[in-house]
C-alpha atoms as a PDB file:
ATOM      1  CA  MET A   1     -33.881  -5.644 -13.434  1.00  0.00           C
ATOM      2  CA  ARG A   2     -33.521  -8.200 -10.550  1.00  0.00           C
ATOM      3  CA  TYR A   3     -32.070 -11.174 -10.670  1.00  0.00           C
ATOM      4  CA  ALA A   4     -32.479 -13.992  -8.155  1.00  0.00           C
ATOM      5  CA  LEU A   5     -31.276 -17.533  -8.138  1.00  0.00           C
ATOM      6  CA  ASN A   6     -34.014 -20.131  -9.203  1.00  0.00           C
ATOM      7  CA  SER A   7     -35.534 -23.167  -6.331  1.00  0.00           C
ATOM      8  CA  CYS A   8     -33.912 -26.469  -6.791  1.00  0.00           C
ATOM      9  CA  ASN A   9     -36.784 -27.696  -5.632  1.00  0.00           C
ATOM     10  CA  ASP A  10     -38.351 -27.815  -8.601  1.00  0.00           C
ATOM     11  CA  LYS A  11     -35.557 -28.947 -10.876  1.00  0.00           C
ATOM     12  CA  PRO A  12     -35.468 -32.344 -12.354  1.00  0.00           C
ATOM     13  CA  TRP A  13     -32.043 -33.267 -10.998  1.00  0.00           C
ATOM     14  CA  GLY A  14     -33.262 -32.042  -7.222  1.00  0.00           C
ATOM     15  CA  ARG A  15     -31.812 -30.463  -4.735  1.00  0.00           C
ATOM     16  CA  THR A  16     -28.130 -31.556  -4.309  1.00  0.00           C
ATOM     17  CA  ALA A  17     -27.234 -31.239  -7.887  1.00  0.00           C
ATOM     18  CA  CYS A  18     -28.437 -27.660  -7.794  1.00  0.00           C
ATOM     19  CA  ALA A  19     -26.883 -26.781  -4.656  1.00  0.00           C
ATOM     20  CA  VAL A  20     -23.463 -28.675  -6.239  1.00  0.00           C
ATOM     21  CA  GLY A  21     -23.849 -26.586  -9.443  1.00  0.00           C
ATOM     22  CA  ARG A  22     -23.834 -23.427  -7.137  1.00  0.00           C
ATOM     23  CA  LEU A  23     -20.821 -24.442  -4.931  1.00  0.00           C
ATOM     24  CA  VAL A  24     -19.188 -24.781  -7.916  1.00  0.00           C
ATOM     25  CA  VAL A  25     -19.709 -21.268  -9.478  1.00  0.00           C
ATOM     26  CA  LEU A  26     -19.218 -20.017  -6.152  1.00  0.00           C
ATOM     27  CA  CYS A  27     -15.532 -21.746  -6.374  1.00  0.00           C
ATOM     28  CA  TRP A  28     -14.686 -20.780  -9.360  1.00  0.00           C
ATOM     29  CA  LEU A  29     -15.372 -16.946  -8.820  1.00  0.00           C
ATOM     30  CA  ALA A  30     -13.699 -16.827  -5.490  1.00  0.00           C
ATOM     31  CA  THR A  31     -10.750 -18.379  -7.414  1.00  0.00           C
ATOM     32  CA  ALA A  32     -10.494 -16.013  -9.861  1.00  0.00           C
ATOM     33  CA  VAL A  33     -10.794 -12.807  -7.299  1.00  0.00           C
ATOM     34  CA  GLY A  34      -8.113 -14.619  -5.499  1.00  0.00           C
ATOM     35  CA  CYS A  35      -6.406 -14.651  -8.630  1.00  0.00           C
ATOM     36  CA  GLU A  36      -6.711 -11.337  -9.515  1.00  0.00           C
ATOM     37  CA  ALA A  37      -5.395  -9.715  -6.195  1.00  0.00           C
ATOM     38  CA  GLU A  38      -2.560 -12.260  -6.145  1.00  0.00           C
ATOM     39  CA  ALA A  39      -1.564 -10.984  -9.528  1.00  0.00           C
ATOM     40  CA  GLU A  40      -1.899  -7.338  -8.458  1.00  0.00           C
ATOM     41  CA  ASP A  41       0.547  -7.970  -5.166  1.00  0.00           C
ATOM     42  CA  ALA A  42       3.246  -9.650  -6.836  1.00  0.00           C
ATOM     43  CA  ALA A  43       3.407  -6.457  -9.208  1.00  0.00           C
ATOM     44  CA  ALA A  44       6.497  -4.462  -9.168  1.00  0.00           C
ATOM     45  CA  PRO A  45       5.859  -1.422  -7.033  1.00  0.00           C
ATOM     46  CA  ALA A  46       5.451   1.912  -8.928  1.00  0.00           C
ATOM     47  CA  ALA A  47       8.072   4.316  -8.731  1.00  0.00           C
ATOM     48  CA  VAL A  48       5.948   7.474  -7.127  1.00  0.00           C
ATOM     49  CA  ALA A  49       7.320  11.058  -8.732  1.00  0.00           C
ATOM     50  CA  SER A  50       8.366  13.521  -5.561  1.00  0.00           C
ATOM     51  CA  SER A  51       6.515  17.044  -5.976  1.00  0.00           C
ATOM     52  CA  GLY A  52       9.394  19.233  -7.993  1.00  0.00           C
ATOM     53  CA  GLY A  53       9.966  15.896 -10.028  1.00  0.00           C
ATOM     54  CA  THR A  54      14.014  15.988  -9.086  1.00  0.00           C
ATOM     55  CA  TRP A  55      13.375  12.390  -7.182  1.00  0.00           C
ATOM     56  CA  ARG A  56      11.297   9.280  -7.718  1.00  0.00           C
ATOM     57  CA  ALA A  57      10.774   7.144  -4.414  1.00  0.00           C
ATOM     58  CA  THR A  58       9.793   3.260  -4.600  1.00  0.00           C
ATOM     59  CA  LEU A  59       7.687   1.865  -1.284  1.00  0.00           C
ATOM     60  CA  GLU A  60       9.131  -1.834  -0.554  1.00  0.00           C
ATOM     61  CA  GLY A  61       6.815  -4.043   1.163  1.00  0.00           C
ATOM     62  CA  SER A  62       2.998  -4.083   2.316  1.00  0.00           C
ATOM     63  CA  LYS A  63       0.699  -1.257   2.181  1.00  0.00           C
ATOM     64  CA  THR A  64      -1.443  -2.434   4.634  1.00  0.00           C
ATOM     65  CA  LEU A  65      -1.015  -2.084   8.244  1.00  0.00           C
ATOM     66  CA  GLN A  66      -2.604  -3.034  11.572  1.00  0.00           C
ATOM     67  CA  VAL A  67      -4.045  -0.798  13.961  1.00  0.00           C
ATOM     68  CA  GLY A  68      -1.571  -0.169  17.482  1.00  0.00           C
ATOM     69  CA  VAL A  69       1.218  -2.273  15.519  1.00  0.00           C
ATOM     70  CA  ALA A  70       4.334  -1.049  14.863  1.00  0.00           C
ATOM     71  CA  ALA A  71       5.840  -1.551  11.218  1.00  0.00           C
ATOM     72  CA  SER A  72       8.830  -0.318   9.209  1.00  0.00           C
ATOM     73  CA  ARG A  73       8.800   0.080   5.413  1.00  0.00           C
ATOM     74  CA  THR A  74      12.036   0.796   3.166  1.00  0.00           C
ATOM     75  CA  LEU A  75      11.303   3.848   0.564  1.00  0.00           C
ATOM     76  CA  ARG A  76      14.122   3.096  -2.877  1.00  0.00           C
ATOM     77  CA  VAL A  77      15.082   6.707  -3.836  1.00  0.00           C
ATOM     78  CA  THR A  78      16.551   7.251  -7.050  1.00  0.00           C
ATOM     79  CA  THR A  79      16.943  10.158  -9.096  1.00  0.00           C
ATOM     80  CA  ALA A  80      14.041  11.116 -11.977  1.00  0.00           C
ATOM     81  CA  SER A  81      16.068   8.939 -14.433  1.00  0.00           C
ATOM     82  CA  GLY A  82      15.911   6.272 -12.319  1.00  0.00           C
ATOM     83  CA  GLY A  83      19.948   6.946 -11.072  1.00  0.00           C
ATOM     84  CA  ASP A  84      22.088   6.829  -8.012  1.00  0.00           C
ATOM     85  CA  PRO A  85      20.624   9.907  -5.462  1.00  0.00           C
ATOM     86  CA  GLY A  86      23.796  10.451  -3.788  1.00  0.00           C
ATOM     87  CA  ALA A  87      23.522  11.652  -0.381  1.00  0.00           C
ATOM     88  CA  LEU A  88      20.435  12.611   0.969  1.00  0.00           C
ATOM     89  CA  SER A  89      18.300  14.270   4.190  1.00  0.00           C
ATOM     90  CA  ALA A  90      14.861  12.979   4.900  1.00  0.00           C
ATOM     91  CA  SER A  91      12.381  12.930   7.500  1.00  0.00           C
ATOM     92  CA  VAL A  92       7.975  11.522   6.997  1.00  0.00           C
ATOM     93  CA  ALA A  93       5.501  12.498   8.289  1.00  0.00           C
ATOM     94  CA  PHE A  94       2.571   9.220   8.964  1.00  0.00           C
ATOM     95  CA  ILE A  95      -0.920  11.096   8.790  1.00  0.00           C
ATOM     96  CA  HIS A  96      -4.780   9.383   9.025  1.00  0.00           C
ATOM     97  CA  THR A  97      -6.388  11.368   6.010  1.00  0.00           C
ATOM     98  CA  ALA A  98      -9.912  11.684   7.027  1.00  0.00           C
ATOM     99  CA  MET A  99      -9.191  12.829  10.584  1.00  0.00           C
ATOM    100  CA  ASN A 100      -6.029  14.751   9.860  1.00  0.00           C
ATOM    101  CA  HIS A 101      -3.591  13.174  12.972  1.00  0.00           C
ATOM    102  CA  GLY A 102      -0.696  11.228  13.815  1.00  0.00           C
ATOM    103  CA  GLY A 103       0.154   7.612  14.589  1.00  0.00           C
ATOM    104  CA  LEU A 104       1.319   6.455  18.394  1.00  0.00           C
ATOM    105  CA  VAL A 105       4.444   7.666  17.863  1.00  0.00           C
ATOM    106  CA  ASP A 106       6.279   9.491  15.498  1.00  0.00           C
ATOM    107  CA  PRO A 107       7.976   8.104  13.039  1.00  0.00           C
ATOM    108  CA  THR A 108      11.663   8.127  12.287  1.00  0.00           C
ATOM    109  CA  ALA A 109      13.485   8.246   8.410  1.00  0.00           C
ATOM    110  CA  THR A 110      16.997   6.719   8.066  1.00  0.00           C
ATOM    111  CA  VAL A 111      18.919   7.252   4.876  1.00  0.00           C
ATOM    112  CA  GLY A 112      21.152   4.114   3.916  1.00  0.00           C
ATOM    113  CA  ALA A 113      23.556   4.062   0.878  1.00  0.00           C
ATOM    114  CA  GLY A 114      22.338   4.193  -2.342  1.00  0.00           C
ATOM    115  CA  GLY A 115      19.154   5.565  -1.737  1.00  0.00           C
ATOM    116  CA  ALA A 116      17.992   3.404   0.836  1.00  0.00           C
ATOM    117  CA  VAL A 117      15.488   4.967   3.498  1.00  0.00           C
ATOM    118  CA  ALA A 118      14.142   2.756   6.718  1.00  0.00           C
ATOM    119  CA  VAL A 119      11.284   4.020   7.892  1.00  0.00           C
ATOM    120  CA  ALA A 120      10.631   3.054  11.610  1.00  0.00           C
ATOM    121  CA  ASP A 121       7.861   3.086  14.072  1.00  0.00           C
ATOM    122  CA  LEU A 122       5.002   3.213  11.707  1.00  0.00           C
ATOM    123  CA  GLN A 123       1.872   2.897  14.361  1.00  0.00           C
ATOM    124  CA  ALA A 124      -1.500   3.795  13.569  1.00  0.00           C
ATOM    125  CA  SER A 125      -3.899   4.798  16.384  1.00  0.00           C
ATOM    126  CA  MET A 126      -7.052   3.960  14.330  1.00  0.00           C
ATOM    127  CA  GLU A 127      -8.139   2.179  10.910  1.00  0.00           C
ATOM    128  CA  GLY A 128      -8.761   4.074   7.932  1.00  0.00           C
ATOM    129  CA  THR A 129      -6.350   5.257   4.896  1.00  0.00           C
ATOM    130  CA  TRP A 130      -3.121   6.831   6.423  1.00  0.00           C
ATOM    131  CA  ARG A 131      -0.455   8.618   4.417  1.00  0.00           C
ATOM    132  CA  LEU A 132       3.285   8.299   4.432  1.00  0.00           C
ATOM    133  CA  THR A 133       5.085  11.478   3.195  1.00  0.00           C
ATOM    134  CA  LEU A 134       8.870  11.492   2.950  1.00  0.00           C
ATOM    135  CA  THR A 135      10.607  14.617   2.441  1.00  0.00           C
ATOM    136  CA  VAL A 136      13.430  14.400   0.875  1.00  0.00           C
ATOM    137  CA  GLN A 137      16.493  16.927  -0.284  1.00  0.00           C
ATOM    138  CA  ASP A 138      20.122  16.614  -1.371  1.00  0.00           C
ATOM    139  CA  ALA A 139      22.751  16.431   1.301  1.00  0.00           C
ATOM    140  CA  ALA A 140      23.838  19.718   0.141  1.00  0.00           C
ATOM    141  CA  LYS A 141      20.663  21.550   0.145  1.00  0.00           C
ATOM    142  CA  ALA A 142      21.588  22.961  -2.738  1.00  0.00           C
ATOM    143  CA  LYS A 143      17.524  22.218  -4.034  1.00  0.00           C
ATOM    144  CA  PRO A 144      14.305  22.472  -1.844  1.00  0.00           C
ATOM    145  CA  ALA A 145      13.084  19.639  -0.189  1.00  0.00           C
ATOM    146  CA  GLU A 146      10.637  17.747  -1.998  1.00  0.00           C
ATOM    147  CA  LYS A 147       7.896  15.113  -0.828  1.00  0.00           C
ATOM    148  CA  VAL A 148       6.299  11.892  -2.065  1.00  0.00           C
ATOM    149  CA  SER A 149       3.589  10.222  -0.374  1.00  0.00           C
ATOM    150  CA  PHE A 150       2.243   6.853   0.002  1.00  0.00           C
ATOM    151  CA  ASP A 151      -1.080   5.655   1.063  1.00  0.00           C
ATOM    152  CA  PHE A 152      -1.783   2.644   3.566  1.00  0.00           C
ATOM    153  CA  GLU A 153      -4.760   0.912   4.309  1.00  0.00           C
ATOM    154  CA  VAL A 154      -5.128   0.008   8.113  1.00  0.00           C
ATOM    155  CA  ASN A 155      -7.239  -2.469   9.576  1.00  0.00           C
ATOM    156  CA  PRO A 156      -8.116  -3.274  12.769  1.00  0.00           C
END
């Protein structure tokens, strides 16, 4: 089934009124889509469970990056129950998901108090979907290291 806009020329109210009506509908659609996107961005970030279920991590900041522009983000790591993780060790990888290669520089992870992991030097060499993978382990290395990943969209 095909839908097409009727010509405004054969309407009794003329081209101007018809064009204004279309403009109103288009503006309403743009506003509705914009409000939905704003609501999604304003939502609280979701915590992602680690591969072994010991940790949860939350990404602070946008999941959108620009090609060739260095960025940084903070990951908040907690225990699976949401508690303070204690002392941690962490490393990161940043890989283009379709091409399986890294960025222009290797990112770094600096562990702070309360499970805050500052990730610096996120710099993508091309557009597409990139995956930031955090490998986290308790500082005593009493348990195996576990991974948690976040996908980013990189635009030119």
